[in-house]
């Protein structure tokens, strides 16, 4: 009966506190819209300058293949010097340069080379631009050979097949991972701030003098904020599937179970922070620096963990969000791959037990 009253008290406090509703429901919508529409790892409409020292039907045909691709936004430069100035000013990311003897050498036994000059400041964009130009060059040669009834002689023929994300859309990769980031905010930041606020306002002292045990007080908060976090998770998943059309190929119930384990771990982290910091400002700083930033940078949400230095890869094993990001991306894009889901779910359950045990041990009915 006391537990029921404590849970009701927490829900009333949530309803009366606009910041709790904002963190649980408004912030997920904002982050999803921001990352879903505003952030993209796809390289599209890359600005490229085209230079032909001696224009010919062959140079025009090749340039037309670049102009017709959605990967490029092309501009023509009269001279190489003009194109290089545009590259220095940042107006273009690359230069495709065809020499004066391009048409003549194209018909020779060794073929005609094209010169591609890249802006390497952004190494990732430079690599993508290089790959797109090479792909356009290969497609143009194959189409040219086919128009003459010939077969392009290549020692190796590449037949690629893309699994799990055949459209190669970064949105399909980012939005599922964002579920973990949002639940980290809801579970950790919200819980830490609420507990610290109670200490600041003196309501925690009032709870300590009631017959309710500290275990009941903690359970009341866990049940209330677990329910709130589940609502945020359902909102996030619903927007991912219906608004951004990210495929959910795995079982929703498996996702819900794993999300519940992660939410318990996040709530445990928030409650642990609240036992260390009784100021909202300090609790918020610890929650952001200790949980949100590591989840954002070291969970595999944006950056591939296998590409990180070995020491950083070892550090990621203590980041709770790492395990849930792996689960949620697998469930959304690949399906119920148990070899991925079960080990990561076990890690989430272990971390949830550790943080909740620390919270229970550190929480006592005393003011010190």
Protein backbone atom coordinates (compact mmCIF):
# COMPACT_ATOMS: atom_id res chain seq x y z
CA UNK A 1 0.00 0.00 0.00
CA UNK A 2 2.86 2.36 0.84
CA UNK A 3 4.55 1.48 -2.47
CA UNK A 4 1.37 2.29 -4.37
CA UNK A 5 1.22 5.68 -2.65
CA UNK A 6 4.87 6.39 -3.46
CA UNK A 7 4.36 5.51 -7.12
CA UNK A 8 1.29 7.77 -7.25
CA UNK A 9 3.32 10.56 -5.65
CA UNK A 10 6.02 10.19 -8.33
CA UNK A 11 3.49 10.30 -11.16
CA UNK A 12 1.88 13.43 -9.69
CA UNK A 13 5.30 15.02 -9.47
CA UNK A 14 6.01 14.12 -13.11
CA UNK A 15 2.71 15.61 -14.26
CA UNK A 16 3.33 18.83 -12.31
CA UNK A 17 6.92 19.18 -13.56
CA UNK A 18 7.08 20.40 -17.19
CA UNK A 19 10.81 19.65 -17.44
CA UNK A 20 10.19 15.91 -16.90
CA UNK A 21 7.64 15.80 -19.70
CA UNK A 22 9.97 17.83 -21.94
CA UNK A 23 12.92 15.48 -21.38
CA UNK A 24 10.80 12.35 -21.83
CA UNK A 25 8.74 13.36 -24.88
CA UNK A 26 9.69 16.74 -26.37
CA UNK A 27 13.45 16.15 -26.47
CA UNK A 28 13.13 12.75 -28.26
CA UNK A 29 11.01 14.37 -30.96
CA UNK A 30 13.54 17.20 -31.34
CA UNK A 31 16.53 14.84 -31.54
CA UNK A 32 14.79 12.50 -33.98
CA UNK A 33 13.81 15.35 -36.30
CA UNK A 34 17.31 16.84 -36.04
CA UNK A 35 19.14 13.60 -36.82
CA UNK A 36 16.51 12.17 -39.15
CA UNK A 37 16.29 15.23 -41.40
CA UNK A 38 19.29 17.41 -40.55
CA UNK A 39 22.17 14.97 -40.07
CA UNK A 40 23.30 12.65 -42.83
CA UNK A 41 26.48 10.68 -43.40
CA UNK A 42 25.54 10.21 -47.06
CA UNK A 43 27.63 12.12 -49.61
CA UNK A 44 25.30 13.61 -52.19
CA UNK A 45 25.52 16.48 -54.68
CA UNK A 46 29.29 16.77 -54.21
CA UNK A 47 30.62 19.90 -55.98
CA UNK A 48 33.09 18.94 -58.72
CA UNK A 49 34.82 21.17 -61.27
CA UNK A 50 35.17 19.75 -64.81
CA UNK A 51 38.13 20.79 -66.98
CA UNK A 52 38.76 19.65 -70.56
CA UNK A 53 41.90 21.08 -72.16
CA UNK A 54 40.52 20.28 -75.61
CA UNK A 55 36.73 19.73 -75.69
CA UNK A 56 35.54 16.87 -77.88
CA UNK A 57 32.53 14.55 -78.16
CA UNK A 58 34.36 12.08 -75.91
CA UNK A 59 35.01 14.63 -73.16
CA UNK A 60 31.43 15.91 -73.42
CA UNK A 61 30.07 12.36 -73.18
CA UNK A 62 32.11 11.58 -70.07
CA UNK A 63 31.21 14.87 -68.40
CA UNK A 64 27.55 14.19 -69.18
CA UNK A 65 27.78 10.95 -67.20
CA UNK A 66 28.98 12.94 -64.18
CA UNK A 67 26.37 15.64 -64.64
CA UNK A 68 23.59 13.06 -64.78
CA UNK A 69 24.58 11.50 -61.45
CA UNK A 70 22.92 12.67 -58.23
CA UNK A 71 26.25 12.20 -56.49
CA UNK A 72 27.76 15.24 -58.21
CA UNK A 73 26.98 18.92 -58.60
CA UNK A 74 29.20 19.90 -61.49
CA UNK A 75 30.59 23.20 -62.74
CA UNK A 76 32.73 23.74 -65.84
CA UNK A 77 36.03 25.58 -65.62
CA UNK A 78 37.81 26.94 -68.69
CA UNK A 79 41.31 26.28 -67.36
CA UNK A 80 43.00 24.12 -64.77
CA UNK A 81 44.16 27.24 -62.90
CA UNK A 82 40.57 28.46 -62.60
CA UNK A 83 39.46 25.08 -61.21
CA UNK A 84 42.34 25.03 -58.70
CA UNK A 85 41.34 28.48 -57.44
CA UNK A 86 37.80 27.21 -56.90
CA UNK A 87 39.21 24.23 -54.97
CA UNK A 88 41.31 26.52 -52.75
CA UNK A 89 38.29 28.73 -52.03
CA UNK A 90 36.27 25.67 -51.02
CA UNK A 91 33.75 26.12 -53.84
CA UNK A 92 34.37 22.56 -55.09
CA UNK A 93 35.59 19.36 -53.44
CA UNK A 94 37.31 17.87 -56.48
CA UNK A 95 38.53 18.52 -60.02
CA UNK A 96 38.10 16.09 -62.93
CA UNK A 97 40.75 17.07 -65.48
CA UNK A 98 40.94 15.65 -69.03
CA UNK A 99 44.13 16.39 -70.94
CA UNK A 100 44.30 17.65 -74.52
CA UNK A 101 45.14 14.19 -75.89
CA UNK A 102 42.25 12.49 -74.07
CA UNK A 103 40.29 11.55 -77.21
CA UNK A 104 43.41 10.29 -79.00
CA UNK A 105 44.72 8.19 -76.12
CA UNK A 106 41.24 6.82 -75.40
CA UNK A 107 41.49 4.87 -78.64
CA UNK A 108 45.01 3.64 -77.93
CA UNK A 109 45.93 0.29 -76.39
CA UNK A 110 46.69 1.77 -72.96
CA UNK A 111 43.60 3.98 -72.71
CA UNK A 112 43.37 7.58 -71.57
CA UNK A 113 43.95 8.55 -67.93
CA UNK A 114 41.85 11.16 -66.14
CA UNK A 115 43.27 13.33 -63.41
CA UNK A 116 41.21 13.72 -60.23
CA UNK A 117 42.36 16.30 -57.69
CA UNK A 118 40.68 16.01 -54.28
CA UNK A 119 40.32 18.32 -51.32
CA UNK A 120 41.65 16.06 -48.56
CA UNK A 121 40.74 18.29 -45.60
CA UNK A 122 37.70 16.07 -44.97
CA UNK A 123 39.28 12.67 -45.57
CA UNK A 124 35.97 10.80 -45.52
CA UNK A 125 34.38 13.04 -48.17
CA UNK A 126 37.56 12.84 -50.25
CA UNK A 127 37.47 9.04 -50.22
CA UNK A 128 33.80 9.00 -51.14
CA UNK A 129 34.36 11.47 -53.98
CA UNK A 130 37.23 9.40 -55.32
CA UNK A 131 35.13 6.24 -55.22
CA UNK A 132 32.19 7.93 -56.95
CA UNK A 133 34.39 9.29 -59.75
CA UNK A 134 36.06 5.90 -60.25
CA UNK A 135 32.64 4.26 -60.34
CA UNK A 136 31.36 6.80 -62.88
CA UNK A 137 34.48 6.26 -65.00
CA UNK A 138 34.04 2.48 -64.97
CA UNK A 139 30.34 2.74 -65.85
CA UNK A 140 31.09 5.14 -68.69
CA UNK A 141 33.73 2.82 -70.17
CA UNK A 142 31.37 -0.17 -69.92
CA UNK A 143 28.52 1.76 -71.57
CA UNK A 144 30.84 3.03 -74.29
CA UNK A 145 32.09 -0.49 -75.02
CA UNK A 146 28.53 -1.86 -75.08
CA UNK A 147 27.43 0.80 -77.58
CA UNK A 148 30.13 -0.49 -79.93
CA UNK A 149 29.13 -4.10 -79.45
CA UNK A 150 32.27 -4.82 -77.46
CA UNK A 151 32.87 -6.21 -74.02
CA UNK A 152 34.98 -4.21 -71.64
CA UNK A 153 38.04 -6.30 -70.76
CA UNK A 154 38.40 -6.39 -66.98
CA UNK A 155 40.39 -9.02 -65.05
CA UNK A 156 37.85 -9.03 -62.23
CA UNK A 157 34.13 -8.36 -62.45
CA UNK A 158 32.61 -7.03 -59.27
CA UNK A 159 29.10 -8.16 -58.44
CA UNK A 160 28.18 -6.54 -55.15
CA UNK A 161 25.32 -7.34 -52.82
CA UNK A 162 24.52 -5.14 -49.84
CA UNK A 163 22.95 -6.87 -46.86
CA UNK A 164 20.71 -5.35 -44.16
CA UNK A 165 20.66 -1.79 -45.54
CA UNK A 166 20.40 -2.18 -49.32
CA UNK A 167 19.51 1.50 -49.84
CA UNK A 168 22.76 2.44 -48.04
CA UNK A 169 20.96 5.22 -46.18
CA UNK A 170 22.72 6.65 -43.15
CA UNK A 171 19.29 7.47 -41.68
CA UNK A 172 18.59 3.73 -41.31
CA UNK A 173 21.79 3.49 -39.26
CA UNK A 174 21.49 6.70 -37.22
CA UNK A 175 17.84 6.62 -36.16
CA UNK A 176 17.94 3.18 -34.42
CA UNK A 177 21.09 4.17 -32.55
CA UNK A 178 19.36 7.36 -31.50
CA UNK A 179 16.88 5.25 -29.52
CA UNK A 180 19.73 4.37 -27.14
CA UNK A 181 20.87 7.99 -26.85
CA UNK A 182 17.36 9.20 -26.06
CA UNK A 183 16.78 6.47 -23.48
CA UNK A 184 20.11 7.39 -21.85
CA UNK A 185 18.85 10.95 -21.49
CA UNK A 186 15.47 9.88 -20.14
CA UNK A 187 16.78 7.24 -17.76
CA UNK A 188 19.96 8.81 -16.45
CA UNK A 189 19.60 12.58 -16.71
CA UNK A 190 15.97 12.76 -15.66
CA UNK A 191 16.37 10.44 -12.67
CA UNK A 192 19.54 12.17 -11.44
CA UNK A 193 17.94 15.61 -11.68
CA UNK A 194 14.71 14.56 -9.97
CA UNK A 195 16.46 12.98 -7.00
CA UNK A 196 18.80 15.97 -6.64
CA UNK A 197 15.81 18.32 -6.83
CA UNK A 198 14.14 16.48 -3.97
CA UNK A 199 17.23 16.96 -1.82
CA UNK A 200 17.35 20.65 -2.73
CA UNK A 201 13.66 21.25 -1.99
CA UNK A 202 13.66 19.26 1.23
CA UNK A 203 11.04 16.74 0.10
CA UNK A 204 13.51 13.89 0.53
CA UNK A 205 13.81 14.66 4.23
CA UNK A 206 10.01 14.41 4.47
CA UNK A 207 10.15 10.97 2.85
CA UNK A 208 12.85 9.80 5.23
CA UNK A 209 10.67 10.38 8.29
CA UNK A 210 7.77 8.32 6.89
CA UNK A 211 7.32 4.60 7.70
CA UNK A 212 8.30 3.77 4.10
CA UNK A 213 11.62 1.97 3.78
CA UNK A 214 14.36 3.23 1.47
CA UNK A 215 13.78 0.20 -0.72
CA UNK A 216 10.15 1.24 -1.19
CA UNK A 217 11.21 4.82 -1.95
CA UNK A 218 13.63 3.60 -4.62
CA UNK A 219 11.08 1.17 -6.09
CA UNK A 220 8.52 3.97 -6.32
CA UNK A 221 10.92 6.06 -8.35
CA UNK A 222 12.02 3.13 -10.49
CA UNK A 223 8.45 2.12 -11.38
CA UNK A 224 7.39 5.67 -12.23
CA UNK A 225 10.40 6.56 -14.34
CA UNK A 226 10.55 3.13 -15.93
CA UNK A 227 7.00 3.74 -17.16
CA UNK A 228 7.96 7.22 -18.38
CA UNK A 229 11.05 5.86 -20.13
CA UNK A 230 9.02 3.11 -21.78
CA UNK A 231 6.67 5.76 -23.13
CA UNK A 232 9.63 7.66 -24.55
CA UNK A 233 10.95 4.45 -26.12
CA UNK A 234 7.60 3.67 -27.76
CA UNK A 235 7.42 7.23 -29.12
CA UNK A 236 10.95 6.98 -30.52
CA UNK A 237 10.42 3.58 -32.13
CA UNK A 238 7.06 4.66 -33.56
CA UNK A 239 8.61 7.76 -35.16
CA UNK A 240 11.52 5.70 -36.50
CA UNK A 241 9.22 3.18 -38.18
CA UNK A 242 6.30 5.32 -39.34
CA UNK A 243 7.85 8.75 -39.88
CA UNK A 244 11.36 7.91 -41.06
CA UNK A 245 10.40 4.51 -42.52
CA UNK A 246 13.30 2.65 -40.94
CA UNK A 247 12.56 -1.08 -41.26
CA UNK A 248 12.07 -3.03 -38.03
CA UNK A 249 13.02 -6.52 -39.18
CA UNK A 250 13.31 -8.08 -35.73
CA UNK A 251 10.70 -8.81 -33.09
CA UNK A 252 9.22 -5.79 -31.33
CA UNK A 253 8.94 -7.82 -28.11
CA UNK A 254 12.64 -8.67 -28.20
CA UNK A 255 13.32 -4.95 -28.67
CA UNK A 256 11.04 -4.13 -25.73
CA UNK A 257 12.75 -6.63 -23.41
CA UNK A 258 16.22 -5.38 -24.34
CA UNK A 259 15.08 -1.76 -24.04
CA UNK A 260 13.72 -2.55 -20.57
CA UNK A 261 17.08 -3.99 -19.49
CA UNK A 262 18.86 -0.92 -20.83
CA UNK A 263 16.35 1.40 -19.16
CA UNK A 264 16.90 -0.33 -15.81
CA UNK A 265 20.65 0.14 -16.23
CA UNK A 266 20.14 3.83 -17.15
CA UNK A 267 17.84 4.38 -14.18
CA UNK A 268 20.40 2.65 -11.97
CA UNK A 269 23.09 5.04 -13.25
CA UNK A 270 20.84 8.03 -12.58
CA UNK A 271 20.03 6.88 -9.06
CA UNK A 272 23.71 6.18 -8.40
CA UNK A 273 24.58 9.72 -9.49
CA UNK A 274 21.87 11.09 -7.23
CA UNK A 275 23.45 9.34 -4.23
CA UNK A 276 26.73 11.14 -4.97
CA UNK A 277 25.42 14.58 -5.92
CA UNK A 278 22.55 16.34 -4.15
CA UNK A 279 22.72 19.45 -6.33
CA UNK A 280 20.80 19.55 -9.63
CA UNK A 281 23.67 21.37 -11.33
CA UNK A 282 26.29 18.85 -10.21
CA UNK A 283 24.03 15.88 -10.94
CA UNK A 284 23.27 17.21 -14.44
CA UNK A 285 26.97 17.73 -15.19
CA UNK A 286 27.90 14.25 -14.00
CA UNK A 287 25.04 12.69 -15.99
CA UNK A 288 26.00 14.50 -19.21
CA UNK A 289 29.77 13.96 -18.93
CA UNK A 290 29.62 10.47 -17.43
CA UNK A 291 26.78 8.92 -19.42
CA UNK A 292 25.45 11.01 -22.32
CA UNK A 293 28.75 11.99 -23.97
CA UNK A 294 30.26 8.46 -23.73
CA UNK A 295 27.00 7.05 -25.12
CA UNK A 296 27.12 9.56 -27.97
CA UNK A 297 30.80 9.08 -28.88
CA UNK A 298 31.83 5.59 -27.75
CA UNK A 299 28.75 3.40 -28.23
CA UNK A 300 29.02 2.85 -31.98
CA UNK A 301 26.14 5.25 -32.59
CA UNK A 302 28.23 7.52 -34.86
CA UNK A 303 31.70 6.00 -34.99
CA UNK A 304 32.64 2.40 -35.72
CA UNK A 305 34.13 0.86 -32.58
CA UNK A 306 36.37 -1.51 -34.57
CA UNK A 307 38.05 1.54 -36.16
CA UNK A 308 38.99 3.03 -32.79
CA UNK A 309 42.39 2.53 -31.13
CA UNK A 310 42.68 -0.63 -29.07
CA UNK A 311 42.76 1.27 -25.76
CA UNK A 312 39.54 3.15 -26.63
CA UNK A 313 37.89 -0.10 -27.74
CA UNK A 314 38.61 -1.54 -24.29
CA UNK A 315 37.07 1.52 -22.64
CA UNK A 316 33.86 1.07 -24.64
CA UNK A 317 33.17 -2.18 -22.78
CA UNK A 318 32.14 -0.17 -19.70
CA UNK A 319 29.76 2.03 -21.73
CA UNK A 320 26.26 0.65 -21.19
CA UNK A 321 24.89 2.20 -24.38
CA UNK A 322 27.40 0.25 -26.48
CA UNK A 323 25.49 -2.99 -25.90
CA UNK A 324 22.06 -1.54 -26.56
CA UNK A 325 23.17 0.27 -29.73
CA UNK A 326 24.44 -3.04 -31.10
CA UNK A 327 21.12 -4.72 -30.23
CA UNK A 328 18.84 -2.02 -31.61
CA UNK A 329 20.72 -1.61 -34.89
CA UNK A 330 20.70 -5.38 -35.37
CA UNK A 331 16.98 -5.71 -34.61
CA UNK A 332 16.05 -2.85 -36.92
CA UNK A 333 18.24 -3.71 -39.91
CA UNK A 334 19.13 -7.41 -39.68
CA UNK A 335 16.44 -9.06 -37.55
CA UNK A 336 16.59 -11.40 -34.56
CA UNK A 337 20.28 -12.33 -34.74
CA UNK A 338 20.59 -14.13 -31.42
CA UNK A 339 24.39 -14.31 -31.60
CA UNK A 340 24.33 -10.51 -31.25
CA UNK A 341 21.23 -10.02 -29.11
CA UNK A 342 21.83 -12.53 -26.31
CA UNK A 343 25.42 -11.60 -25.27
CA UNK A 344 24.63 -7.88 -25.34
CA UNK A 345 21.37 -8.42 -23.43
CA UNK A 346 23.29 -10.39 -20.79
CA UNK A 347 25.76 -7.50 -20.47
CA UNK A 348 22.86 -5.07 -20.03
CA UNK A 349 21.29 -7.26 -17.32
CA UNK A 350 24.64 -7.47 -15.49
CA UNK A 351 25.19 -3.70 -15.60
CA UNK A 352 21.61 -3.02 -14.49
CA UNK A 353 22.15 -5.33 -11.50
CA UNK A 354 25.46 -3.64 -10.64
CA UNK A 355 24.12 -0.07 -10.72
CA UNK A 356 20.92 -0.91 -8.87
CA UNK A 357 22.92 -2.77 -6.21
CA UNK A 358 25.22 0.23 -5.76
CA UNK A 359 22.21 2.52 -5.44
CA UNK A 360 20.52 0.27 -2.88
CA UNK A 361 23.71 -0.07 -0.85
CA UNK A 362 24.46 3.66 -0.83
CA UNK A 363 20.89 4.72 -0.05
CA UNK A 364 20.03 4.79 3.62
CA UNK A 365 17.36 6.57 5.65
CA UNK A 366 19.72 9.22 6.97
CA UNK A 367 20.50 12.81 6.12
CA UNK A 368 24.29 12.46 5.86
